[in-house]
Amino acid sequence: MSTETRNDFFIYEVFSQKNVTASFAHQFSLLAPNKEVALTMARENFLRREPCFNLWVVKRDDIFGLTPEERPFLERLDNKSYRETKGYGDLQSRWRQHKERYEDQQKQAKSGS
């Protein structure tokens, strides 16, 4: 394959969705001259293996992501930890303790009268 021919091909990334509620997952990369051929190749290669609800074929050059230097900008700018649900994991056991303490107080009150 000559260098000129290689320049006519692009790398495409293939993503699939197993069912309507599933999220898309990256499956593989492929080399194709255009998006139509890439979609056909993805169908031929992927659909033989497992059932699929939806398929995305995206040119790698069209996917944008953050560089390692830009990732710190994803950190939260405010202190709103009160919006997070941490601290509720032991709620059942804490409620049970309060209920037992209340029941013990009720028993003591009845036996004391």
Protein backbone atom coordinates (compact mmCIF):
# COMPACT_ATOMS: atom_id res chain seq x y z
CA MET A 1 0.00 0.00 0.00
CA SER A 2 1.54 3.31 -1.01
CA THR A 3 1.66 6.39 1.20
CA GLU A 4 -0.82 8.21 -1.05
CA THR A 5 -3.38 5.45 -0.62
CA ARG A 6 -2.94 5.39 3.16
CA ASN A 7 -3.73 9.12 3.31
CA ASP A 8 -7.17 8.35 1.87
CA PHE A 9 -8.06 6.12 4.83
CA PHE A 10 -9.19 7.26 8.26
CA ILE A 11 -9.42 5.61 11.67
CA TYR A 12 -12.99 5.17 12.92
CA GLU A 13 -14.07 4.22 16.44
CA VAL A 14 -17.04 1.87 16.83
CA PHE A 15 -19.45 2.13 19.77
CA SER A 16 -22.43 -0.16 20.40
CA GLN A 17 -25.55 -0.11 22.54
CA LYS A 18 -26.92 -3.53 23.58
CA ASN A 19 -30.46 -2.36 24.31
CA VAL A 20 -32.48 0.84 24.55
CA THR A 21 -31.57 1.44 28.21
CA ALA A 22 -27.88 0.51 27.97
CA SER A 23 -25.14 3.08 27.55
CA PHE A 24 -22.82 3.03 24.56
CA ALA A 25 -19.56 1.10 24.92
CA HIS A 26 -16.46 1.32 22.75
CA GLN A 27 -15.90 -1.90 20.79
CA PHE A 28 -12.99 -1.48 18.40
CA SER A 29 -11.25 0.76 15.86
CA LEU A 30 -11.16 0.26 12.11
CA LEU A 31 -9.55 1.77 9.04
CA ALA A 32 -11.85 2.90 6.20
CA PRO A 33 -11.87 5.40 3.32
CA ASN A 34 -15.21 7.02 4.31
CA LYS A 35 -18.04 6.84 6.83
CA GLU A 36 -20.28 4.63 4.70
CA VAL A 37 -17.61 1.95 4.31
CA ALA A 38 -16.75 2.27 8.01
CA LEU A 39 -20.39 1.67 9.00
CA THR A 40 -20.63 -1.33 6.68
CA MET A 41 -17.40 -2.79 8.07
CA ALA A 42 -18.56 -2.21 11.65
CA ARG A 43 -21.87 -3.97 10.92
CA GLU A 44 -20.15 -6.91 9.25
CA ASN A 45 -17.55 -7.32 12.00
CA PHE A 46 -19.60 -6.58 15.08
CA LEU A 47 -23.10 -7.85 14.42
CA ARG A 48 -21.81 -11.36 13.75
CA ARG A 49 -20.66 -11.58 17.37
CA GLU A 50 -23.57 -10.33 19.45
CA PRO A 51 -26.96 -8.63 19.15
CA CYS A 52 -26.96 -4.86 19.06
CA PHE A 53 -29.65 -2.18 19.42
CA ASN A 54 -27.63 0.76 18.03
CA LEU A 55 -24.22 1.36 16.51
CA TRP A 56 -22.11 4.53 16.33
CA VAL A 57 -19.16 4.90 13.98
CA VAL A 58 -17.14 8.06 14.60
CA LYS A 59 -14.03 9.35 12.89
CA ARG A 60 -11.28 9.44 15.52
CA ASP A 61 -10.28 12.97 14.48
CA ASP A 62 -13.79 14.17 15.39
CA ILE A 63 -13.55 12.97 18.99
CA PHE A 64 -12.38 15.66 21.37
CA GLY A 65 -11.20 15.11 24.91
CA LEU A 66 -9.40 16.94 27.63
CA THR A 67 -5.64 16.92 27.81
CA PRO A 68 -4.05 15.91 31.13
CA GLU A 69 -3.33 19.59 31.77
CA GLU A 70 -7.03 20.48 31.35
CA ARG A 71 -8.43 17.75 33.63
CA PRO A 72 -8.00 19.73 36.89
CA PHE A 73 -10.64 22.13 35.54
CA LEU A 74 -13.22 19.35 36.09
CA GLU A 75 -12.91 19.67 39.87
CA ARG A 76 -15.86 21.22 41.65
CA LEU A 77 -15.65 24.96 42.02
CA ASP A 78 -17.87 25.14 45.07
CA ASN A 79 -18.23 23.31 48.34
CA LYS A 80 -21.67 21.77 47.98
CA SER A 81 -20.99 18.45 49.63
CA TYR A 82 -24.43 18.73 51.24
CA ARG A 83 -25.84 17.71 47.83
CA GLU A 84 -24.05 14.38 48.00
CA THR A 85 -25.79 11.44 49.67
CA LYS A 86 -22.85 10.27 51.73
CA GLY A 87 -23.64 9.63 55.37
CA TYR A 88 -26.90 7.79 54.74
CA GLY A 89 -25.42 4.29 54.46
CA ASP A 90 -25.98 3.45 58.12
CA LEU A 91 -29.39 5.13 58.37
CA GLN A 92 -31.27 1.86 59.00
CA SER A 93 -29.02 0.83 61.90
CA ARG A 94 -29.18 4.32 63.43
CA TRP A 95 -32.98 4.32 63.16
CA ARG A 96 -33.10 0.85 64.75
CA GLN A 97 -30.95 2.09 67.68
CA HIS A 98 -33.25 5.06 68.28
CA LYS A 99 -36.31 2.83 68.10
CA GLU A 100 -34.81 0.34 70.59
CA ARG A 101 -33.86 3.18 72.94
CA TYR A 102 -37.41 4.58 72.73
CA GLU A 103 -38.91 1.14 73.39
CA ASP A 104 -36.59 0.67 76.40
CA GLN A 105 -37.67 4.07 77.76
CA GLN A 106 -41.32 3.08 77.31
CA LYS A 107 -40.75 -0.19 79.20
CA GLN A 108 -38.97 1.62 82.03
CA ALA A 109 -41.76 4.18 82.23
CA LYS A 110 -44.40 1.43 82.48
CA SER A 111 -42.47 -0.56 85.07
CA GLY A 112 -41.74 2.60 87.09
CA SER A 113 -45.39 3.61 87.36
